[in-house]
N, C-alpha and C. Protein backbone atom coordinates (compact mmCIF):
# COMPACT_ATOMS: atom_id res chain seq x y z
N MET A 1 22.11 5.06 -5.74
CA MET A 1 20.92 4.33 -6.14
C MET A 1 21.01 4.03 -7.63
N SER A 2 20.68 2.83 -7.99
CA SER A 2 20.71 2.40 -9.38
C SER A 2 19.66 3.16 -10.19
N SER A 3 20.00 3.45 -11.46
CA SER A 3 19.05 4.16 -12.31
C SER A 3 18.03 3.20 -12.92
N LYS A 4 18.30 1.90 -12.83
CA LYS A 4 17.39 0.91 -13.39
C LYS A 4 16.30 0.60 -12.36
N PRO A 5 15.00 0.73 -12.75
CA PRO A 5 13.93 0.44 -11.80
C PRO A 5 13.95 -1.02 -11.38
N PRO A 6 13.56 -1.30 -10.13
CA PRO A 6 13.57 -2.68 -9.66
C PRO A 6 12.50 -3.51 -10.35
N VAL A 7 12.81 -4.78 -10.54
CA VAL A 7 11.82 -5.72 -11.04
C VAL A 7 11.36 -6.51 -9.82
N THR A 8 10.09 -6.38 -9.50
CA THR A 8 9.51 -7.04 -8.34
C THR A 8 8.21 -7.70 -8.78
N PRO A 9 7.61 -8.54 -7.95
CA PRO A 9 6.29 -9.07 -8.31
C PRO A 9 5.28 -7.94 -8.57
N ALA A 10 5.41 -6.82 -7.86
CA ALA A 10 4.50 -5.69 -8.05
C ALA A 10 4.69 -5.04 -9.42
N THR A 11 5.93 -4.76 -9.79
CA THR A 11 6.16 -4.11 -11.09
C THR A 11 5.82 -5.07 -12.23
N ARG A 12 6.06 -6.37 -12.01
CA ARG A 12 5.68 -7.35 -13.04
C ARG A 12 4.16 -7.39 -13.20
N ALA A 13 3.42 -7.34 -12.08
CA ALA A 13 1.95 -7.37 -12.14
C ALA A 13 1.42 -6.13 -12.84
N LEU A 14 1.99 -4.97 -12.53
CA LEU A 14 1.54 -3.73 -13.18
C LEU A 14 1.84 -3.76 -14.68
N ALA A 15 3.05 -4.22 -15.04
CA ALA A 15 3.43 -4.28 -16.45
C ALA A 15 2.56 -5.29 -17.21
N ALA A 16 2.30 -6.45 -16.59
CA ALA A 16 1.48 -7.48 -17.24
C ALA A 16 0.06 -6.98 -17.49
N ALA A 17 -0.43 -6.13 -16.59
CA ALA A 17 -1.78 -5.58 -16.75
C ALA A 17 -1.81 -4.35 -17.66
N LYS A 18 -0.63 -3.99 -18.18
CA LYS A 18 -0.48 -2.83 -19.07
C LYS A 18 -0.94 -1.53 -18.42
N VAL A 19 -0.66 -1.43 -17.11
CA VAL A 19 -0.97 -0.22 -16.36
C VAL A 19 0.17 0.77 -16.56
N PRO A 20 -0.13 2.01 -16.97
CA PRO A 20 0.94 2.99 -17.07
C PRO A 20 1.39 3.40 -15.65
N PHE A 21 2.68 3.23 -15.38
CA PHE A 21 3.23 3.60 -14.09
C PHE A 21 4.69 3.97 -14.27
N LYS A 22 5.19 4.70 -13.30
CA LYS A 22 6.60 5.08 -13.33
C LYS A 22 7.17 4.81 -11.94
N VAL A 23 8.26 4.05 -11.88
CA VAL A 23 8.91 3.80 -10.59
C VAL A 23 9.71 5.03 -10.21
N ARG A 24 9.48 5.49 -8.98
CA ARG A 24 10.18 6.65 -8.44
C ARG A 24 11.06 6.18 -7.28
N PRO A 25 12.36 5.99 -7.53
CA PRO A 25 13.25 5.54 -6.45
C PRO A 25 13.60 6.68 -5.50
N TYR A 26 13.88 6.32 -4.26
CA TYR A 26 14.35 7.28 -3.26
C TYR A 26 15.23 6.52 -2.27
N ASP A 27 16.01 7.25 -1.49
CA ASP A 27 16.88 6.62 -0.50
C ASP A 27 16.07 6.24 0.72
N TYR A 28 15.85 4.95 0.89
CA TYR A 28 15.05 4.43 1.99
C TYR A 28 15.83 4.58 3.31
N VAL A 29 15.12 4.99 4.35
CA VAL A 29 15.68 5.07 5.70
C VAL A 29 14.71 4.35 6.63
N ASP A 30 15.23 3.43 7.46
CA ASP A 30 14.37 2.74 8.43
C ASP A 30 13.58 3.75 9.24
N HIS A 31 12.30 3.52 9.37
CA HIS A 31 11.38 4.35 10.15
C HIS A 31 11.22 5.76 9.58
N GLY A 32 11.62 5.98 8.32
CA GLY A 32 11.43 7.28 7.68
C GLY A 32 10.00 7.48 7.21
N GLY A 33 9.36 6.37 6.86
CA GLY A 33 7.96 6.39 6.49
C GLY A 33 7.63 7.21 5.26
N THR A 34 6.33 7.50 5.14
CA THR A 34 5.84 8.22 3.97
C THR A 34 6.31 9.67 3.96
N GLU A 35 6.56 10.23 5.13
CA GLU A 35 7.04 11.61 5.19
C GLU A 35 8.39 11.73 4.49
N ARG A 36 9.28 10.82 4.78
CA ARG A 36 10.61 10.81 4.16
C ARG A 36 10.50 10.59 2.65
N ALA A 37 9.69 9.62 2.24
CA ALA A 37 9.53 9.34 0.81
C ALA A 37 8.98 10.57 0.08
N ALA A 38 7.97 11.21 0.66
CA ALA A 38 7.38 12.39 0.04
C ALA A 38 8.39 13.52 -0.09
N GLN A 39 9.17 13.74 0.95
CA GLN A 39 10.19 14.80 0.91
C GLN A 39 11.21 14.51 -0.18
N GLU A 40 11.70 13.28 -0.21
CA GLU A 40 12.72 12.91 -1.21
C GLU A 40 12.21 13.06 -2.64
N LEU A 41 10.94 12.71 -2.85
CA LEU A 41 10.38 12.75 -4.20
C LEU A 41 9.75 14.09 -4.54
N GLY A 42 9.59 14.96 -3.54
CA GLY A 42 8.99 16.27 -3.80
C GLY A 42 7.51 16.18 -4.14
N VAL A 43 6.81 15.26 -3.47
CA VAL A 43 5.38 15.07 -3.70
C VAL A 43 4.65 15.24 -2.37
N PRO A 44 3.34 15.53 -2.40
CA PRO A 44 2.59 15.65 -1.14
C PRO A 44 2.51 14.30 -0.42
N GLU A 45 2.70 14.31 0.89
CA GLU A 45 2.61 13.07 1.65
C GLU A 45 1.21 12.46 1.55
N HIS A 46 0.20 13.30 1.35
CA HIS A 46 -1.17 12.83 1.21
C HIS A 46 -1.33 11.91 -0.01
N ALA A 47 -0.48 12.10 -1.04
CA ALA A 47 -0.55 11.28 -2.25
C ALA A 47 0.29 10.01 -2.16
N VAL A 48 1.11 9.91 -1.12
CA VAL A 48 1.88 8.69 -0.90
C VAL A 48 0.96 7.72 -0.14
N VAL A 49 0.68 6.58 -0.74
CA VAL A 49 -0.27 5.64 -0.17
C VAL A 49 0.49 4.47 0.44
N LYS A 50 0.25 4.28 1.74
CA LYS A 50 0.91 3.16 2.43
C LYS A 50 0.03 1.92 2.36
N THR A 51 0.68 0.77 2.28
CA THR A 51 0.01 -0.52 2.27
C THR A 51 0.26 -1.18 3.61
N LEU A 52 -0.81 -1.36 4.37
CA LEU A 52 -0.70 -1.90 5.73
C LEU A 52 -1.36 -3.28 5.79
N VAL A 53 -0.79 -4.17 6.59
CA VAL A 53 -1.33 -5.52 6.71
C VAL A 53 -1.95 -5.67 8.09
N PHE A 54 -3.23 -6.01 8.09
CA PHE A 54 -4.00 -6.19 9.33
C PHE A 54 -4.58 -7.59 9.36
N GLU A 55 -5.15 -7.95 10.52
CA GLU A 55 -5.91 -9.18 10.63
C GLU A 55 -7.09 -8.93 11.56
N ASP A 56 -8.15 -9.71 11.34
CA ASP A 56 -9.31 -9.59 12.22
C ASP A 56 -9.17 -10.56 13.39
N GLU A 57 -10.20 -10.65 14.23
CA GLU A 57 -10.10 -11.49 15.43
C GLU A 57 -9.94 -12.97 15.10
N ALA A 58 -10.31 -13.37 13.88
CA ALA A 58 -10.13 -14.77 13.45
C ALA A 58 -8.78 -14.97 12.77
N LYS A 59 -7.91 -13.96 12.85
CA LYS A 59 -6.56 -14.00 12.26
C LYS A 59 -6.58 -14.05 10.74
N ARG A 60 -7.68 -13.55 10.12
CA ARG A 60 -7.75 -13.47 8.66
C ARG A 60 -7.04 -12.19 8.22
N PRO A 61 -6.00 -12.30 7.38
CA PRO A 61 -5.25 -11.12 6.97
C PRO A 61 -5.93 -10.35 5.85
N PHE A 62 -5.66 -9.06 5.80
CA PHE A 62 -6.14 -8.20 4.72
C PHE A 62 -5.26 -6.97 4.64
N LEU A 63 -5.35 -6.26 3.52
CA LEU A 63 -4.55 -5.05 3.30
C LEU A 63 -5.43 -3.82 3.45
N VAL A 64 -4.81 -2.74 3.92
CA VAL A 64 -5.46 -1.44 3.98
C VAL A 64 -4.56 -0.44 3.27
N LEU A 65 -5.13 0.31 2.35
CA LEU A 65 -4.41 1.38 1.65
C LEU A 65 -4.86 2.69 2.25
N MET A 66 -3.89 3.48 2.75
CA MET A 66 -4.20 4.72 3.46
C MET A 66 -3.23 5.81 3.04
N HIS A 67 -3.74 7.05 3.02
CA HIS A 67 -2.89 8.21 2.76
C HIS A 67 -1.71 8.20 3.74
N GLY A 68 -0.57 8.62 3.26
CA GLY A 68 0.62 8.64 4.11
C GLY A 68 0.51 9.55 5.31
N ASP A 69 -0.27 10.62 5.20
CA ASP A 69 -0.36 11.59 6.30
C ASP A 69 -1.55 11.32 7.21
N ARG A 70 -2.16 10.14 7.07
CA ARG A 70 -3.30 9.79 7.93
C ARG A 70 -3.07 8.44 8.58
N GLU A 71 -3.80 8.19 9.65
CA GLU A 71 -3.73 6.91 10.35
C GLU A 71 -5.03 6.16 10.17
N VAL A 72 -4.98 4.86 10.36
CA VAL A 72 -6.17 4.02 10.30
C VAL A 72 -6.80 4.01 11.70
N SER A 73 -8.08 4.29 11.76
CA SER A 73 -8.83 4.14 13.00
C SER A 73 -9.25 2.67 13.10
N LEU A 74 -8.66 1.95 14.04
CA LEU A 74 -8.95 0.52 14.17
C LEU A 74 -10.42 0.28 14.48
N LYS A 75 -10.99 1.13 15.31
CA LYS A 75 -12.40 0.99 15.67
C LYS A 75 -13.29 1.21 14.44
N GLU A 76 -12.99 2.24 13.66
CA GLU A 76 -13.79 2.53 12.46
C GLU A 76 -13.61 1.44 11.40
N LEU A 77 -12.38 0.95 11.25
CA LEU A 77 -12.12 -0.11 10.29
C LEU A 77 -12.88 -1.37 10.67
N ALA A 78 -12.85 -1.75 11.94
CA ALA A 78 -13.59 -2.94 12.39
C ALA A 78 -15.09 -2.77 12.11
N ARG A 79 -15.60 -1.56 12.36
CA ARG A 79 -17.02 -1.29 12.09
C ARG A 79 -17.32 -1.45 10.60
N CYS A 80 -16.46 -0.89 9.74
CA CYS A 80 -16.65 -0.99 8.28
C CYS A 80 -16.64 -2.45 7.81
N LEU A 81 -15.81 -3.27 8.45
CA LEU A 81 -15.66 -4.66 8.04
C LEU A 81 -16.67 -5.59 8.71
N GLY A 82 -17.38 -5.07 9.70
CA GLY A 82 -18.36 -5.89 10.40
C GLY A 82 -17.72 -6.95 11.28
N VAL A 83 -16.55 -6.64 11.86
CA VAL A 83 -15.86 -7.57 12.76
C VAL A 83 -15.68 -6.89 14.11
N LYS A 84 -15.33 -7.69 15.12
CA LYS A 84 -15.16 -7.13 16.46
C LYS A 84 -13.89 -6.30 16.59
N THR A 85 -12.78 -6.87 16.10
CA THR A 85 -11.50 -6.16 16.24
C THR A 85 -10.62 -6.38 15.01
N VAL A 86 -9.75 -5.42 14.79
CA VAL A 86 -8.69 -5.56 13.80
C VAL A 86 -7.40 -5.10 14.47
N THR A 87 -6.31 -5.76 14.11
CA THR A 87 -5.01 -5.40 14.65
C THR A 87 -3.97 -5.48 13.54
N PRO A 88 -2.91 -4.67 13.64
CA PRO A 88 -1.84 -4.78 12.67
C PRO A 88 -1.16 -6.15 12.81
N CYS A 89 -0.74 -6.72 11.70
CA CYS A 89 0.02 -7.97 11.73
C CYS A 89 1.44 -7.68 12.21
N SER A 90 2.07 -8.69 12.75
CA SER A 90 3.49 -8.57 13.09
C SER A 90 4.28 -8.46 11.78
N GLN A 91 5.52 -7.99 11.87
CA GLN A 91 6.35 -7.89 10.67
C GLN A 91 6.52 -9.25 10.01
N GLU A 92 6.70 -10.28 10.82
CA GLU A 92 6.88 -11.64 10.27
C GLU A 92 5.63 -12.10 9.54
N ALA A 93 4.46 -11.88 10.16
CA ALA A 93 3.21 -12.30 9.52
C ALA A 93 2.95 -11.49 8.25
N ALA A 94 3.22 -10.20 8.29
CA ALA A 94 3.03 -9.36 7.10
C ALA A 94 3.89 -9.86 5.95
N GLN A 95 5.13 -10.20 6.25
CA GLN A 95 6.02 -10.70 5.21
C GLN A 95 5.55 -12.07 4.70
N ARG A 96 5.10 -12.91 5.60
CA ARG A 96 4.62 -14.24 5.22
C ARG A 96 3.39 -14.14 4.30
N HIS A 97 2.46 -13.23 4.62
CA HIS A 97 1.24 -13.09 3.83
C HIS A 97 1.48 -12.44 2.47
N THR A 98 2.38 -11.45 2.43
CA THR A 98 2.56 -10.67 1.20
C THR A 98 3.75 -11.08 0.35
N GLY A 99 4.76 -11.64 0.99
CA GLY A 99 6.00 -11.94 0.27
C GLY A 99 6.92 -10.75 0.19
N TYR A 100 6.54 -9.63 0.80
CA TYR A 100 7.33 -8.41 0.78
C TYR A 100 7.86 -8.09 2.18
N GLN A 101 8.99 -7.41 2.19
CA GLN A 101 9.58 -6.93 3.43
C GLN A 101 8.83 -5.68 3.90
N VAL A 102 8.60 -5.55 5.20
CA VAL A 102 7.95 -4.36 5.73
C VAL A 102 8.78 -3.14 5.32
N GLY A 103 8.08 -2.12 4.84
CA GLY A 103 8.76 -0.95 4.27
C GLY A 103 8.79 -1.03 2.76
N GLY A 104 8.43 -2.20 2.24
CA GLY A 104 8.40 -2.41 0.80
C GLY A 104 7.16 -3.16 0.35
N ILE A 105 6.12 -3.18 1.20
CA ILE A 105 4.91 -3.94 0.89
C ILE A 105 4.06 -3.21 -0.15
N SER A 106 3.76 -3.93 -1.21
CA SER A 106 2.89 -3.43 -2.28
C SER A 106 1.61 -4.25 -2.27
N PRO A 107 0.49 -3.65 -2.68
CA PRO A 107 -0.74 -4.45 -2.79
C PRO A 107 -0.75 -5.30 -4.06
N PHE A 108 0.18 -5.04 -4.97
CA PHE A 108 0.24 -5.76 -6.24
C PHE A 108 1.22 -6.92 -6.14
N GLY A 109 0.86 -8.07 -6.68
CA GLY A 109 1.77 -9.20 -6.73
C GLY A 109 2.07 -9.84 -5.39
N THR A 110 1.10 -9.80 -4.48
CA THR A 110 1.32 -10.40 -3.16
C THR A 110 1.35 -11.93 -3.27
N ARG A 111 2.03 -12.53 -2.31
CA ARG A 111 2.17 -14.00 -2.27
C ARG A 111 0.79 -14.66 -2.19
N LYS A 112 -0.06 -14.14 -1.31
CA LYS A 112 -1.43 -14.64 -1.17
C LYS A 112 -2.38 -13.57 -1.68
N LYS A 113 -3.48 -13.99 -2.27
CA LYS A 113 -4.52 -13.02 -2.66
C LYS A 113 -5.22 -12.58 -1.38
N LEU A 114 -5.15 -11.31 -1.08
CA LEU A 114 -5.72 -10.77 0.15
C LEU A 114 -6.81 -9.75 -0.16
N PRO A 115 -7.84 -9.68 0.67
CA PRO A 115 -8.82 -8.61 0.50
C PRO A 115 -8.10 -7.26 0.69
N VAL A 116 -8.54 -6.26 -0.05
CA VAL A 116 -7.93 -4.94 0.01
C VAL A 116 -9.01 -3.91 0.34
N TYR A 117 -8.75 -3.12 1.37
CA TYR A 117 -9.64 -2.04 1.77
C TYR A 117 -8.88 -0.74 1.56
N ALA A 118 -9.45 0.15 0.77
CA ALA A 118 -8.77 1.41 0.43
C ALA A 118 -9.57 2.59 0.96
N GLU A 119 -8.88 3.53 1.56
CA GLU A 119 -9.52 4.77 2.01
C GLU A 119 -10.15 5.42 0.77
N LYS A 120 -11.43 5.69 0.86
CA LYS A 120 -12.23 6.18 -0.27
C LYS A 120 -11.62 7.42 -0.94
N SER A 121 -11.09 8.33 -0.15
CA SER A 121 -10.58 9.59 -0.71
C SER A 121 -9.33 9.43 -1.57
N ILE A 122 -8.69 8.27 -1.52
CA ILE A 122 -7.53 8.02 -2.38
C ILE A 122 -7.93 8.14 -3.85
N PHE A 123 -9.16 7.73 -4.17
CA PHE A 123 -9.60 7.73 -5.56
C PHE A 123 -9.89 9.13 -6.10
N GLY A 124 -9.86 10.13 -5.24
CA GLY A 124 -10.04 11.51 -5.67
C GLY A 124 -8.73 12.18 -6.10
N LEU A 125 -7.61 11.48 -5.91
CA LEU A 125 -6.31 12.03 -6.29
C LEU A 125 -6.04 11.79 -7.78
N ASP A 126 -5.26 12.68 -8.38
CA ASP A 126 -4.88 12.51 -9.79
C ASP A 126 -3.84 11.41 -9.95
N VAL A 127 -2.91 11.34 -9.00
CA VAL A 127 -1.84 10.35 -9.04
C VAL A 127 -1.54 9.93 -7.61
N ILE A 128 -1.20 8.65 -7.46
CA ILE A 128 -0.76 8.16 -6.16
C ILE A 128 0.65 7.60 -6.31
N TYR A 129 1.34 7.53 -5.20
CA TYR A 129 2.69 6.97 -5.13
C TYR A 129 2.59 5.81 -4.14
N ILE A 130 2.64 4.59 -4.66
CA ILE A 130 2.41 3.41 -3.83
C ILE A 130 3.60 2.47 -3.98
N ASN A 131 3.86 1.71 -2.95
CA ASN A 131 5.07 0.90 -2.95
C ASN A 131 5.14 -0.01 -4.17
N ALA A 132 6.33 -0.07 -4.74
CA ALA A 132 6.56 -0.88 -5.94
C ALA A 132 7.12 -2.26 -5.60
N GLY A 133 7.06 -2.64 -4.31
CA GLY A 133 7.50 -3.98 -3.93
C GLY A 133 8.92 -4.07 -3.43
N LYS A 134 9.53 -2.92 -3.16
CA LYS A 134 10.90 -2.89 -2.67
C LYS A 134 11.08 -1.62 -1.87
N ARG A 135 11.79 -1.71 -0.78
CA ARG A 135 12.09 -0.51 0.00
C ARG A 135 12.80 0.50 -0.90
N GLY A 136 12.35 1.73 -0.85
CA GLY A 136 13.00 2.78 -1.63
C GLY A 136 12.50 2.90 -3.06
N ALA A 137 11.33 2.36 -3.34
CA ALA A 137 10.78 2.46 -4.70
C ALA A 137 9.26 2.58 -4.63
N LEU A 138 8.75 3.70 -5.14
CA LEU A 138 7.30 3.90 -5.22
C LEU A 138 6.89 3.92 -6.69
N ALA A 139 5.69 3.42 -6.96
CA ALA A 139 5.15 3.45 -8.31
C ALA A 139 4.13 4.59 -8.38
N ALA A 140 4.33 5.49 -9.32
CA ALA A 140 3.39 6.59 -9.56
C ALA A 140 2.38 6.10 -10.58
N LEU A 141 1.08 6.17 -10.21
CA LEU A 141 0.05 5.72 -11.13
C LEU A 141 -1.29 6.37 -10.79
N ASP A 142 -2.22 6.25 -11.72
CA ASP A 142 -3.58 6.76 -11.52
C ASP A 142 -4.28 5.80 -10.55
N PRO A 143 -4.92 6.33 -9.49
CA PRO A 143 -5.56 5.44 -8.51
C PRO A 143 -6.69 4.58 -9.07
N LYS A 144 -7.24 4.93 -10.23
CA LYS A 144 -8.31 4.12 -10.82
C LYS A 144 -7.83 2.69 -11.08
N HIS A 145 -6.52 2.53 -11.27
CA HIS A 145 -5.99 1.19 -11.55
C HIS A 145 -6.07 0.27 -10.33
N LEU A 146 -6.20 0.84 -9.15
CA LEU A 146 -6.38 0.01 -7.96
C LEU A 146 -7.65 -0.83 -8.11
N ARG A 147 -8.71 -0.17 -8.57
CA ARG A 147 -10.00 -0.87 -8.75
C ARG A 147 -9.91 -1.93 -9.85
N GLU A 148 -9.12 -1.66 -10.87
CA GLU A 148 -9.01 -2.58 -12.00
C GLU A 148 -8.22 -3.84 -11.65
N LEU A 149 -7.21 -3.71 -10.79
CA LEU A 149 -6.29 -4.81 -10.54
C LEU A 149 -6.49 -5.54 -9.22
N LEU A 150 -7.17 -4.91 -8.28
CA LEU A 150 -7.27 -5.48 -6.95
C LEU A 150 -8.73 -5.67 -6.54
N PRO A 151 -8.98 -6.60 -5.63
CA PRO A 151 -10.34 -6.76 -5.09
C PRO A 151 -10.57 -5.66 -4.02
N VAL A 152 -10.72 -4.42 -4.46
CA VAL A 152 -10.78 -3.28 -3.55
C VAL A 152 -12.19 -3.01 -3.04
N THR A 153 -12.28 -2.79 -1.74
CA THR A 153 -13.49 -2.30 -1.11
C THR A 153 -13.14 -0.94 -0.53
N GLU A 154 -13.91 0.07 -0.90
CA GLU A 154 -13.65 1.42 -0.38
C GLU A 154 -14.23 1.57 1.01
N VAL A 155 -13.44 2.18 1.90
CA VAL A 155 -13.86 2.41 3.28
C VAL A 155 -13.50 3.83 3.69
N GLN A 156 -14.07 4.27 4.79
CA GLN A 156 -13.69 5.53 5.41
C GLN A 156 -13.24 5.20 6.82
N ALA A 157 -11.96 4.95 6.97
CA ALA A 157 -11.42 4.53 8.25
C ALA A 157 -10.20 5.34 8.65
N GLY A 158 -10.00 6.47 7.99
CA GLY A 158 -8.83 7.28 8.29
C GLY A 158 -9.11 8.35 9.31
N ARG A 159 -8.04 8.78 9.95
CA ARG A 159 -8.14 9.91 10.87
C ARG A 159 -6.89 10.74 10.78
């Protein structure tokens, strides 16, 4: 793995906003998920925040930020959003909406401006590890910066 951090739309957006962050590279493995990233970096999986791409029944896309060790309750998320149903986007649609490859999706620097829903308890952490826009690279930062840089709505949709 290269010692030079990747330059991605996400890292450019964080740097442009003067957000203090540190890219933490790890050896990406297909389907390794947040558990693998947490093990490689020696951090709690609960602090690794995954960026998921969903859509409502009208096919409107949005992002959900969730702890790595928790799942999104689709029923609870739909209730929070006031819609009938929500479903995960296909890999192709997720890439089309964000400009990132699945496994490397960051909420920062997305191709389209998307609504962002974040699990409320993420903001209680001292530091989060969130995708830096490339498979195998997480950005360590204070979760307060999510509110500063993104159109975040806090929800309780985890289980």
